[in-house]
Amino acid sequence: MISLQVVSVSFGQFQAGAYTLILAEENGNRKIPVIIGTPEAHSIVSVLEGMKPPRPMTHDLFVSFSKILNVRLSQVNISKYKEGVFYSELVFDVEGKIVCIDSRTSDAVALAIRFQSAIFTTEEVMKETGIVFTDESDIWREEKQFSKKGEVPLKTMNLRELQIALEEAIDREDYEKASYIRDLIKKR
């Protein structure tokens, strides 16, 4: 299994009310983009930013309930990717007994960060959905400068990868690169 860390949550540019959750492998350079809804994005961001809502959110309520019953979320497994959907399971320790429950990936991540639990995926999921970045500063160079071994030219990225690259370029306020990527997307 490959250990993942939550890197960021950013507003989706291509689907109303959608956000992109970026998970990065802990000991590598691949990242997995997961499209999530507004409530889950706010739930994840509130923990990442250290915000405490005046009343418990649904995920907070679940954590409180679990702690009272002495149930611990030991890990989250993102086990499958099929037809554009990630499949995850929550792995609980219930008084020494392991219990697995099917979950949406967005909810699983929201709970994992609250429980401070590990997040894992399979090599198969990583191969299918992971995007390789050799060096963050190299990603946003002009297309003609993609010449080093191991770098991924924008022109060879699939549409999903280009959309993510566009969102990240906009987030970094690199509008020249964003317009270049936008033009590539329009051509496709």
N, C-alpha and C. Protein backbone atom coordinates (compact mmCIF):
# COMPACT_ATOMS: atom_id res chain seq x y z
N MET A 1 0.84 -1.19 0.00
CA MET A 1 0.00 0.00 0.00
C MET A 1 0.88 1.25 0.00
N ILE A 2 0.39 2.30 -0.62
CA ILE A 2 1.11 3.56 -0.74
C ILE A 2 0.48 4.56 0.22
N SER A 3 1.29 5.14 1.09
CA SER A 3 0.83 6.12 2.06
C SER A 3 0.62 7.47 1.37
N LEU A 4 -0.49 8.14 1.69
CA LEU A 4 -0.84 9.43 1.09
C LEU A 4 -0.99 10.51 2.15
N GLN A 5 -0.75 11.75 1.73
CA GLN A 5 -0.95 12.91 2.57
C GLN A 5 -1.88 13.88 1.84
N VAL A 6 -2.72 14.59 2.59
CA VAL A 6 -3.56 15.63 2.00
C VAL A 6 -2.68 16.83 1.72
N VAL A 7 -2.67 17.27 0.45
CA VAL A 7 -1.84 18.41 0.06
C VAL A 7 -2.67 19.69 0.01
N SER A 8 -3.81 19.62 -0.65
CA SER A 8 -4.62 20.84 -0.79
C SER A 8 -6.03 20.50 -1.22
N VAL A 9 -6.89 21.51 -1.08
CA VAL A 9 -8.24 21.48 -1.62
C VAL A 9 -8.41 22.79 -2.36
N SER A 10 -8.77 22.71 -3.63
CA SER A 10 -8.93 23.95 -4.40
C SER A 10 -10.26 23.94 -5.13
N PHE A 11 -10.77 25.13 -5.38
CA PHE A 11 -12.05 25.28 -6.09
C PHE A 11 -11.93 24.75 -7.49
N GLY A 12 -12.88 23.93 -7.91
CA GLY A 12 -12.89 23.37 -9.26
C GLY A 12 -13.36 24.39 -10.27
N GLN A 13 -12.63 24.50 -11.35
CA GLN A 13 -12.96 25.47 -12.39
C GLN A 13 -13.93 24.91 -13.43
N PHE A 14 -14.14 23.59 -13.43
CA PHE A 14 -14.86 22.99 -14.55
C PHE A 14 -16.20 22.39 -14.17
N GLN A 15 -16.54 22.39 -12.89
CA GLN A 15 -17.81 21.83 -12.47
C GLN A 15 -18.31 22.66 -11.29
N ALA A 16 -19.50 23.21 -11.43
CA ALA A 16 -20.05 24.08 -10.38
C ALA A 16 -20.19 23.30 -9.08
N GLY A 17 -19.76 23.91 -8.00
CA GLY A 17 -19.89 23.30 -6.69
C GLY A 17 -18.91 22.18 -6.41
N ALA A 18 -17.93 22.00 -7.27
CA ALA A 18 -16.95 20.93 -7.09
C ALA A 18 -15.60 21.51 -6.69
N TYR A 19 -14.88 20.73 -5.94
CA TYR A 19 -13.53 21.08 -5.50
C TYR A 19 -12.60 19.93 -5.86
N THR A 20 -11.31 20.22 -5.92
CA THR A 20 -10.33 19.18 -6.19
C THR A 20 -9.49 18.98 -4.93
N LEU A 21 -9.53 17.76 -4.43
CA LEU A 21 -8.71 17.35 -3.30
C LEU A 21 -7.46 16.71 -3.89
N ILE A 22 -6.29 17.18 -3.49
CA ILE A 22 -5.03 16.62 -3.98
C ILE A 22 -4.38 15.80 -2.87
N LEU A 23 -4.15 14.53 -3.15
CA LEU A 23 -3.46 13.62 -2.24
C LEU A 23 -2.12 13.27 -2.86
N ALA A 24 -1.05 13.37 -2.09
CA ALA A 24 0.30 13.09 -2.60
C ALA A 24 0.87 11.87 -1.89
N GLU A 25 1.59 11.06 -2.66
CA GLU A 25 2.23 9.91 -2.02
C GLU A 25 3.33 10.41 -1.10
N GLU A 26 3.43 9.77 0.05
CA GLU A 26 4.34 10.25 1.09
C GLU A 26 5.80 10.12 0.69
N ASN A 27 6.16 9.04 0.04
CA ASN A 27 7.55 8.81 -0.33
C ASN A 27 7.71 8.72 -1.84
N GLY A 28 7.24 9.75 -2.53
CA GLY A 28 7.32 9.75 -3.98
C GLY A 28 6.88 11.09 -4.52
N ASN A 29 6.66 11.13 -5.83
CA ASN A 29 6.33 12.40 -6.48
C ASN A 29 5.01 12.36 -7.24
N ARG A 30 4.17 11.39 -6.96
CA ARG A 30 2.88 11.30 -7.64
C ARG A 30 1.78 11.90 -6.77
N LYS A 31 0.78 12.48 -7.44
CA LYS A 31 -0.36 13.07 -6.76
C LYS A 31 -1.64 12.54 -7.38
N ILE A 32 -2.66 12.40 -6.54
CA ILE A 32 -3.96 11.94 -7.00
C ILE A 32 -4.97 13.07 -6.83
N PRO A 33 -5.63 13.50 -7.91
CA PRO A 33 -6.70 14.49 -7.79
C PRO A 33 -8.05 13.79 -7.60
N VAL A 34 -8.81 14.23 -6.61
CA VAL A 34 -10.13 13.66 -6.34
C VAL A 34 -11.14 14.80 -6.36
N ILE A 35 -12.15 14.70 -7.19
CA ILE A 35 -13.20 15.71 -7.25
C ILE A 35 -14.18 15.45 -6.11
N ILE A 36 -14.42 16.49 -5.29
CA ILE A 36 -15.30 16.34 -4.14
C ILE A 36 -16.32 17.47 -4.11
N GLY A 37 -17.36 17.29 -3.32
CA GLY A 37 -18.42 18.29 -3.21
C GLY A 37 -18.08 19.40 -2.23
N THR A 38 -18.91 20.42 -2.24
CA THR A 38 -18.71 21.58 -1.38
C THR A 38 -18.73 21.25 0.11
N PRO A 39 -19.71 20.49 0.62
CA PRO A 39 -19.71 20.22 2.07
C PRO A 39 -18.45 19.49 2.54
N GLU A 40 -18.02 18.51 1.75
CA GLU A 40 -16.83 17.75 2.12
C GLU A 40 -15.58 18.62 2.03
N ALA A 41 -15.51 19.46 1.02
CA ALA A 41 -14.36 20.37 0.88
C ALA A 41 -14.28 21.30 2.09
N HIS A 42 -15.41 21.87 2.49
CA HIS A 42 -15.42 22.76 3.65
C HIS A 42 -15.05 22.01 4.92
N SER A 43 -15.51 20.78 5.03
CA SER A 43 -15.19 19.96 6.20
C SER A 43 -13.69 19.68 6.29
N ILE A 44 -13.08 19.35 5.17
CA ILE A 44 -11.63 19.07 5.14
C ILE A 44 -10.84 20.34 5.40
N VAL A 45 -11.20 21.42 4.72
CA VAL A 45 -10.46 22.68 4.86
C VAL A 45 -10.56 23.21 6.28
N SER A 46 -11.71 23.05 6.92
CA SER A 46 -11.85 23.57 8.28
C SER A 46 -10.83 22.93 9.22
N VAL A 47 -10.54 21.65 9.04
CA VAL A 47 -9.53 20.99 9.87
C VAL A 47 -8.13 21.41 9.46
N LEU A 48 -7.88 21.45 8.15
CA LEU A 48 -6.55 21.83 7.68
C LEU A 48 -6.17 23.24 8.12
N GLU A 49 -7.17 24.13 8.16
CA GLU A 49 -6.93 25.53 8.54
C GLU A 49 -7.07 25.76 10.04
N GLY A 50 -7.41 24.71 10.80
CA GLY A 50 -7.54 24.84 12.24
C GLY A 50 -8.75 25.64 12.68
N MET A 51 -9.78 25.68 11.84
CA MET A 51 -11.01 26.41 12.19
C MET A 51 -11.92 25.52 13.04
N LYS A 52 -12.53 26.11 14.02
CA LYS A 52 -13.45 25.38 14.89
C LYS A 52 -14.84 25.96 14.67
N PRO A 53 -15.74 25.21 14.03
CA PRO A 53 -17.10 25.74 13.82
C PRO A 53 -17.83 25.87 15.15
N PRO A 54 -18.80 26.78 15.22
CA PRO A 54 -19.53 26.98 16.47
C PRO A 54 -20.32 25.73 16.90
N ARG A 55 -20.75 24.95 15.95
CA ARG A 55 -21.47 23.70 16.21
C ARG A 55 -20.77 22.59 15.45
N PRO A 56 -20.84 21.36 15.95
CA PRO A 56 -20.13 20.27 15.27
C PRO A 56 -20.67 20.00 13.86
N MET A 57 -19.75 19.81 12.93
CA MET A 57 -20.14 19.39 11.58
C MET A 57 -20.40 17.88 11.63
N THR A 58 -20.97 17.33 10.60
CA THR A 58 -21.32 15.91 10.58
C THR A 58 -20.11 15.02 10.86
N HIS A 59 -18.97 15.33 10.25
CA HIS A 59 -17.78 14.51 10.48
C HIS A 59 -17.29 14.63 11.92
N ASP A 60 -17.41 15.82 12.51
CA ASP A 60 -17.03 16.01 13.91
C ASP A 60 -17.95 15.19 14.82
N LEU A 61 -19.22 15.18 14.51
CA LEU A 61 -20.19 14.41 15.28
C LEU A 61 -19.84 12.92 15.23
N PHE A 62 -19.48 12.45 14.06
CA PHE A 62 -19.10 11.04 13.90
C PHE A 62 -17.87 10.70 14.75
N VAL A 63 -16.89 11.59 14.77
CA VAL A 63 -15.68 11.37 15.57
C VAL A 63 -16.04 11.33 17.06
N SER A 64 -16.86 12.28 17.51
CA SER A 64 -17.27 12.30 18.91
C SER A 64 -17.99 11.02 19.29
N PHE A 65 -18.90 10.59 18.46
CA PHE A 65 -19.66 9.37 18.69
C PHE A 65 -18.71 8.15 18.76
N SER A 66 -17.76 8.09 17.84
CA SER A 66 -16.81 6.98 17.81
C SER A 66 -15.94 6.93 19.07
N LYS A 67 -15.50 8.09 19.51
CA LYS A 67 -14.65 8.14 20.71
C LYS A 67 -15.41 7.69 21.96
N ILE A 68 -16.66 8.09 22.07
CA ILE A 68 -17.48 7.67 23.21
C ILE A 68 -17.62 6.15 23.24
N LEU A 69 -17.73 5.55 22.05
CA LEU A 69 -17.89 4.09 21.96
C LEU A 69 -16.56 3.35 21.88
N ASN A 70 -15.45 4.09 22.04
CA ASN A 70 -14.11 3.50 22.01
C ASN A 70 -13.80 2.83 20.66
N VAL A 71 -14.19 3.51 19.61
CA VAL A 71 -13.93 3.04 18.24
C VAL A 71 -12.90 3.97 17.64
N ARG A 72 -11.85 3.39 17.04
CA ARG A 72 -10.77 4.20 16.48
C ARG A 72 -10.64 3.91 14.98
N LEU A 73 -10.57 4.97 14.19
CA LEU A 73 -10.31 4.81 12.76
C LEU A 73 -8.81 4.60 12.60
N SER A 74 -8.40 3.39 12.25
CA SER A 74 -6.97 3.13 12.15
C SER A 74 -6.40 3.53 10.79
N GLN A 75 -7.19 3.42 9.72
CA GLN A 75 -6.71 3.87 8.42
C GLN A 75 -7.84 3.96 7.42
N VAL A 76 -7.55 4.65 6.33
CA VAL A 76 -8.44 4.76 5.18
C VAL A 76 -7.72 4.12 4.01
N ASN A 77 -8.42 3.28 3.27
CA ASN A 77 -7.86 2.66 2.07
C ASN A 77 -8.65 3.11 0.85
N ILE A 78 -7.97 3.78 -0.07
CA ILE A 78 -8.59 4.10 -1.36
C ILE A 78 -8.25 2.91 -2.23
N SER A 79 -9.23 2.03 -2.39
CA SER A 79 -8.96 0.70 -2.92
C SER A 79 -9.20 0.50 -4.40
N LYS A 80 -10.00 1.38 -5.01
CA LYS A 80 -10.35 1.14 -6.41
C LYS A 80 -10.72 2.45 -7.08
N TYR A 81 -10.50 2.50 -8.40
CA TYR A 81 -10.94 3.61 -9.23
C TYR A 81 -11.63 2.99 -10.43
N LYS A 82 -12.92 3.28 -10.58
CA LYS A 82 -13.67 2.68 -11.68
C LYS A 82 -14.65 3.69 -12.25
N GLU A 83 -14.59 3.89 -13.56
CA GLU A 83 -15.49 4.78 -14.28
C GLU A 83 -15.56 6.18 -13.65
N GLY A 84 -14.37 6.70 -13.28
CA GLY A 84 -14.28 8.05 -12.76
C GLY A 84 -14.61 8.19 -11.28
N VAL A 85 -14.80 7.08 -10.59
CA VAL A 85 -15.17 7.13 -9.17
C VAL A 85 -14.12 6.39 -8.34
N PHE A 86 -13.68 7.04 -7.25
CA PHE A 86 -12.79 6.40 -6.30
C PHE A 86 -13.63 5.65 -5.27
N TYR A 87 -13.17 4.46 -4.87
CA TYR A 87 -13.83 3.66 -3.86
C TYR A 87 -12.90 3.55 -2.66
N SER A 88 -13.44 3.81 -1.47
CA SER A 88 -12.63 3.78 -0.26
C SER A 88 -13.31 2.97 0.83
N GLU A 89 -12.49 2.57 1.78
CA GLU A 89 -13.04 1.90 2.95
C GLU A 89 -12.39 2.47 4.20
N LEU A 90 -13.18 2.54 5.24
CA LEU A 90 -12.72 2.96 6.54
C LEU A 90 -12.36 1.70 7.32
N VAL A 91 -11.18 1.65 7.91
CA VAL A 91 -10.76 0.50 8.69
C VAL A 91 -10.75 0.91 10.16
N PHE A 92 -11.69 0.37 10.92
CA PHE A 92 -11.84 0.71 12.33
C PHE A 92 -11.28 -0.38 13.23
N ASP A 93 -10.79 0.05 14.38
CA ASP A 93 -10.41 -0.85 15.45
C ASP A 93 -11.49 -0.70 16.52
N VAL A 94 -12.29 -1.76 16.68
CA VAL A 94 -13.37 -1.75 17.66
C VAL A 94 -13.00 -2.74 18.75
N GLU A 95 -12.37 -2.22 19.80
CA GLU A 95 -11.94 -3.05 20.94
C GLU A 95 -11.13 -4.26 20.47
N GLY A 96 -10.16 -4.00 19.58
CA GLY A 96 -9.27 -5.05 19.10
C GLY A 96 -9.77 -5.79 17.87
N LYS A 97 -10.98 -5.56 17.46
CA LYS A 97 -11.54 -6.21 16.27
C LYS A 97 -11.50 -5.22 15.11
N ILE A 98 -11.03 -5.68 13.94
CA ILE A 98 -10.95 -4.83 12.75
C ILE A 98 -12.28 -4.89 12.01
N VAL A 99 -12.85 -3.73 11.74
CA VAL A 99 -14.11 -3.62 11.02
C VAL A 99 -13.91 -2.66 9.86
N CYS A 100 -14.30 -3.08 8.65
CA CYS A 100 -14.17 -2.26 7.44
C CYS A 100 -15.55 -1.81 6.97
N ILE A 101 -15.64 -0.53 6.61
CA ILE A 101 -16.90 0.04 6.15
C ILE A 101 -16.65 0.80 4.85
N ASP A 102 -17.49 0.56 3.86
CA ASP A 102 -17.42 1.27 2.58
C ASP A 102 -17.70 2.76 2.81
N SER A 103 -16.99 3.62 2.07
CA SER A 103 -17.14 5.06 2.25
C SER A 103 -16.84 5.80 0.96
N ARG A 104 -17.45 6.96 0.82
CA ARG A 104 -17.03 7.86 -0.25
C ARG A 104 -15.64 8.36 0.15
N THR A 105 -14.80 8.57 -0.82
CA THR A 105 -13.42 8.99 -0.54
C THR A 105 -13.38 10.35 0.16
N SER A 106 -14.24 11.26 -0.23
CA SER A 106 -14.24 12.58 0.41
C SER A 106 -14.57 12.47 1.89
N ASP A 107 -15.55 11.65 2.25
CA ASP A 107 -15.90 11.46 3.66
C ASP A 107 -14.78 10.74 4.39
N ALA A 108 -14.17 9.75 3.73
CA ALA A 108 -13.08 9.00 4.35
C ALA A 108 -11.91 9.91 4.70
N VAL A 109 -11.56 10.81 3.79
CA VAL A 109 -10.45 11.74 4.04
C VAL A 109 -10.83 12.72 5.14
N ALA A 110 -12.07 13.23 5.12
CA ALA A 110 -12.52 14.16 6.17
C ALA A 110 -12.42 13.50 7.54
N LEU A 111 -12.73 12.22 7.63
CA LEU A 111 -12.62 11.51 8.90
C LEU A 111 -11.16 11.21 9.25
N ALA A 112 -10.38 10.82 8.26
CA ALA A 112 -8.98 10.47 8.51
C ALA A 112 -8.21 11.65 9.10
N ILE A 113 -8.45 12.85 8.60
CA ILE A 113 -7.70 13.99 9.14
C ILE A 113 -8.17 14.34 10.55
N ARG A 114 -9.41 14.04 10.87
CA ARG A 114 -9.92 14.29 12.22
C ARG A 114 -9.38 13.25 13.22
N PHE A 115 -9.31 12.01 12.78
CA PHE A 115 -8.80 10.94 13.63
C PHE A 115 -7.26 10.90 13.61
N GLN A 116 -6.66 11.67 12.71
CA GLN A 116 -5.22 11.63 12.47
C GLN A 116 -4.79 10.21 12.08
N SER A 117 -5.55 9.64 11.16
CA SER A 117 -5.32 8.28 10.68
C SER A 117 -4.59 8.29 9.35
N ALA A 118 -3.95 7.19 9.06
CA ALA A 118 -3.22 7.04 7.80
C ALA A 118 -4.20 6.88 6.64
N ILE A 119 -3.78 7.36 5.48
CA ILE A 119 -4.54 7.21 4.23
C ILE A 119 -3.65 6.43 3.27
N PHE A 120 -4.19 5.37 2.69
CA PHE A 120 -3.42 4.53 1.77
C PHE A 120 -4.18 4.34 0.47
N THR A 121 -3.41 3.99 -0.57
CA THR A 121 -4.00 3.55 -1.83
C THR A 121 -3.15 2.42 -2.37
N THR A 122 -3.66 1.81 -3.43
CA THR A 122 -2.93 0.70 -4.06
C THR A 122 -2.06 1.24 -5.20
N GLU A 123 -1.10 0.44 -5.59
CA GLU A 123 -0.26 0.81 -6.74
C GLU A 123 -1.13 0.90 -8.00
N GLU A 124 -2.12 0.03 -8.10
CA GLU A 124 -3.01 0.04 -9.26
C GLU A 124 -3.77 1.37 -9.37
N VAL A 125 -4.33 1.85 -8.27
CA VAL A 125 -5.04 3.14 -8.27
C VAL A 125 -4.06 4.26 -8.58
N MET A 126 -2.88 4.19 -8.00
CA MET A 126 -1.87 5.24 -8.23
C MET A 126 -1.45 5.26 -9.70
N LYS A 127 -1.26 4.10 -10.30
CA LYS A 127 -0.87 4.05 -11.71
C LYS A 127 -1.95 4.62 -12.61
N GLU A 128 -3.22 4.35 -12.26
CA GLU A 128 -4.32 4.78 -13.11
C GLU A 128 -4.64 6.27 -12.96
N THR A 129 -4.48 6.82 -11.74
CA THR A 129 -4.94 8.19 -11.50
C THR A 129 -3.83 9.16 -11.10
N GLY A 130 -2.67 8.63 -10.74
CA GLY A 130 -1.59 9.49 -10.26
C GLY A 130 -0.98 10.33 -11.37
N ILE A 131 -0.57 11.50 -10.98
CA ILE A 131 0.12 12.41 -11.89
C ILE A 131 1.52 12.60 -11.34
N VAL A 132 2.52 12.43 -12.20
CA VAL A 132 3.91 12.53 -11.76
C VAL A 132 4.42 13.94 -11.96
N PHE A 133 4.94 14.52 -10.89
CA PHE A 133 5.60 15.81 -10.94
C PHE A 133 7.02 15.58 -10.46
N THR A 134 7.99 15.83 -11.32
CA THR A 134 9.38 15.60 -10.93
C THR A 134 9.88 16.68 -9.99
N ASP A 135 9.47 17.90 -10.21
CA ASP A 135 9.89 19.02 -9.38
C ASP A 135 8.85 20.10 -9.58
N GLU A 136 8.27 20.59 -8.51
CA GLU A 136 7.20 21.58 -8.61
C GLU A 136 7.57 22.76 -9.50
N SER A 137 8.80 23.23 -9.44
CA SER A 137 9.19 24.39 -10.24
C SER A 137 9.30 24.04 -11.73
N ASP A 138 9.52 22.77 -12.04
CA ASP A 138 9.65 22.37 -13.45
C ASP A 138 8.31 22.28 -14.16
N ILE A 139 7.24 22.04 -13.42
CA ILE A 139 5.95 21.76 -14.04
C ILE A 139 5.45 22.93 -14.87
N TRP A 140 5.72 24.15 -14.42
CA TRP A 140 5.08 25.30 -15.03
C TRP A 140 5.95 26.04 -16.04
N ARG A 141 7.05 25.40 -16.48
CA ARG A 141 7.88 26.04 -17.50
C ARG A 141 7.18 25.97 -18.85
N GLU A 142 7.58 26.83 -19.75
CA GLU A 142 7.00 26.81 -21.08
C GLU A 142 7.18 25.45 -21.72
N GLU A 143 6.21 25.05 -22.58
CA GLU A 143 6.21 23.73 -23.20
C GLU A 143 7.54 23.42 -23.90
N LYS A 144 8.11 24.37 -24.60
CA LYS A 144 9.35 24.14 -25.33
C LYS A 144 10.52 23.83 -24.40
N GLN A 145 10.38 24.14 -23.12
CA GLN A 145 11.46 23.89 -22.17
C GLN A 145 11.37 22.52 -21.51
N PHE A 146 10.36 21.71 -21.85
CA PHE A 146 10.25 20.36 -21.29
C PHE A 146 11.23 19.46 -22.05
N SER A 147 12.43 19.40 -21.56
CA SER A 147 13.45 18.63 -22.27
C SER A 147 14.19 17.65 -21.39
N LYS A 148 14.08 17.79 -20.06
CA LYS A 148 14.79 16.88 -19.17
C LYS A 148 14.10 15.52 -19.12
N LYS A 149 14.88 14.51 -18.92
CA LYS A 149 14.36 13.15 -18.80
C LYS A 149 13.39 13.06 -17.63
N GLY A 150 12.24 12.41 -17.86
CA GLY A 150 11.27 12.19 -16.79
C GLY A 150 10.20 13.25 -16.67
N GLU A 151 10.31 14.35 -17.39
CA GLU A 151 9.30 15.38 -17.31
C GLU A 151 8.13 15.07 -18.22
N VAL A 152 6.96 15.51 -17.84
CA VAL A 152 5.75 15.25 -18.60
C VAL A 152 5.35 16.49 -19.38
N PRO A 153 5.46 16.46 -20.71
CA PRO A 153 5.04 17.63 -21.51
C PRO A 153 3.53 17.84 -21.40
N LEU A 154 3.11 19.08 -21.34
CA LEU A 154 1.68 19.37 -21.25
C LEU A 154 0.91 18.75 -22.41
N LYS A 155 1.50 18.76 -23.59
CA LYS A 155 0.81 18.24 -24.76
C LYS A 155 0.50 16.74 -24.66
N THR A 156 1.22 16.03 -23.79
CA THR A 156 0.96 14.59 -23.65
C THR A 156 0.01 14.27 -22.51
N MET A 157 -0.38 15.27 -21.72
CA MET A 157 -1.30 15.04 -20.61
C MET A 157 -2.71 14.81 -21.13
N ASN A 158 -3.46 13.97 -20.39
CA ASN A 158 -4.85 13.79 -20.76
C ASN A 158 -5.66 15.00 -20.29
N LEU A 159 -6.93 15.03 -20.66
CA LEU A 159 -7.77 16.21 -20.37
C LEU A 159 -7.88 16.46 -18.87
N ARG A 160 -8.05 15.42 -18.07
CA ARG A 160 -8.15 15.58 -16.62
C ARG A 160 -6.86 16.18 -16.06
N GLU A 161 -5.72 15.69 -16.51
CA GLU A 161 -4.43 16.21 -16.04
C GLU A 161 -4.25 17.67 -16.43
N LEU A 162 -4.69 18.01 -17.65
CA LEU A 162 -4.61 19.41 -18.08
C LEU A 162 -5.51 20.31 -17.24
N GLN A 163 -6.69 19.84 -16.90
CA GLN A 163 -7.61 20.63 -16.07
C GLN A 163 -6.99 20.89 -14.70
N ILE A 164 -6.35 19.89 -14.14
CA ILE A 164 -5.69 20.06 -12.84
C ILE A 164 -4.53 21.03 -12.97
N ALA A 165 -3.76 20.89 -14.04
CA ALA A 165 -2.63 21.80 -14.27
C ALA A 165 -3.14 23.23 -14.43
N LEU A 166 -4.27 23.40 -15.09
CA LEU A 166 -4.86 24.74 -15.25
C LEU A 166 -5.26 25.32 -13.90
N GLU A 167 -5.93 24.52 -13.08
CA GLU A 167 -6.35 24.99 -11.76
C GLU A 167 -5.14 25.40 -10.92
N GLU A 168 -4.09 24.61 -10.97
CA GLU A 168 -2.91 24.92 -10.18
C GLU A 168 -2.20 26.17 -10.72
N ALA A 169 -2.19 26.34 -12.02
CA ALA A 169 -1.59 27.55 -12.60
C ALA A 169 -2.36 28.79 -12.16
N ILE A 170 -3.67 28.69 -12.14
CA ILE A 170 -4.50 29.82 -11.70
C ILE A 170 -4.27 30.08 -10.22
N ASP A 171 -4.22 29.01 -9.42
CA ASP A 171 -3.96 29.17 -7.98
C ASP A 171 -2.63 29.86 -7.73
N ARG A 172 -1.65 29.60 -8.58
CA ARG A 172 -0.32 30.22 -8.43
C ARG A 172 -0.25 31.58 -9.11
N GLU A 173 -1.37 31.99 -9.69
CA GLU A 173 -1.47 33.26 -10.42
C GLU A 173 -0.49 33.33 -11.59
N ASP A 174 -0.23 32.18 -12.18
CA ASP A 174 0.61 32.10 -13.37
C ASP A 174 -0.33 32.11 -14.58
N TYR A 175 -0.83 33.29 -14.90
CA TYR A 175 -1.88 33.42 -15.91
C TYR A 175 -1.36 33.15 -17.33
N GLU A 176 -0.11 33.37 -17.58
CA GLU A 176 0.46 33.06 -18.88
C GLU A 176 0.40 31.55 -19.12
N LYS A 177 0.82 30.78 -18.13
CA LYS A 177 0.77 29.33 -18.23
C LYS A 177 -0.68 28.86 -18.28
N ALA A 178 -1.56 29.48 -17.49
CA ALA A 178 -2.97 29.11 -17.48
C ALA A 178 -3.61 29.31 -18.86
N SER A 179 -3.28 30.41 -19.52
CA SER A 179 -3.86 30.65 -20.85
C SER A 179 -3.32 29.64 -21.86
N TYR A 180 -2.06 29.26 -21.72
CA TYR A 180 -1.48 28.24 -22.60
C TYR A 180 -2.21 26.91 -22.41
N ILE A 181 -2.43 26.52 -21.16
CA ILE A 181 -3.12 25.25 -20.87
C ILE A 181 -4.57 25.33 -21.33
N ARG A 182 -5.23 26.48 -21.11
CA ARG A 182 -6.62 26.66 -21.57
C ARG A 182 -6.71 26.43 -23.07
N ASP A 183 -5.74 26.97 -23.82
CA ASP A 183 -5.74 26.79 -25.27
C ASP A 183 -5.56 25.32 -25.66
N LEU A 184 -4.71 24.61 -24.91
CA LEU A 184 -4.54 23.17 -25.18
C LEU A 184 -5.85 22.42 -24.94
N ILE A 185 -6.55 22.78 -23.88
CA ILE A 185 -7.83 22.13 -23.56
C ILE A 185 -8.85 22.42 -24.66
N LYS A 186 -8.92 23.66 -25.12
CA LYS A 186 -9.86 24.02 -26.19
C LYS A 186 -9.59 23.25 -27.47
N LYS A 187 -8.30 23.03 -27.79
CA LYS A 187 -7.95 22.28 -29.00
C LYS A 187 -8.46 20.84 -28.97
N ARG A 188 -8.55 20.30 -27.74
CA ARG A 188 -9.01 18.91 -27.61
C ARG A 188 -10.51 18.83 -27.63
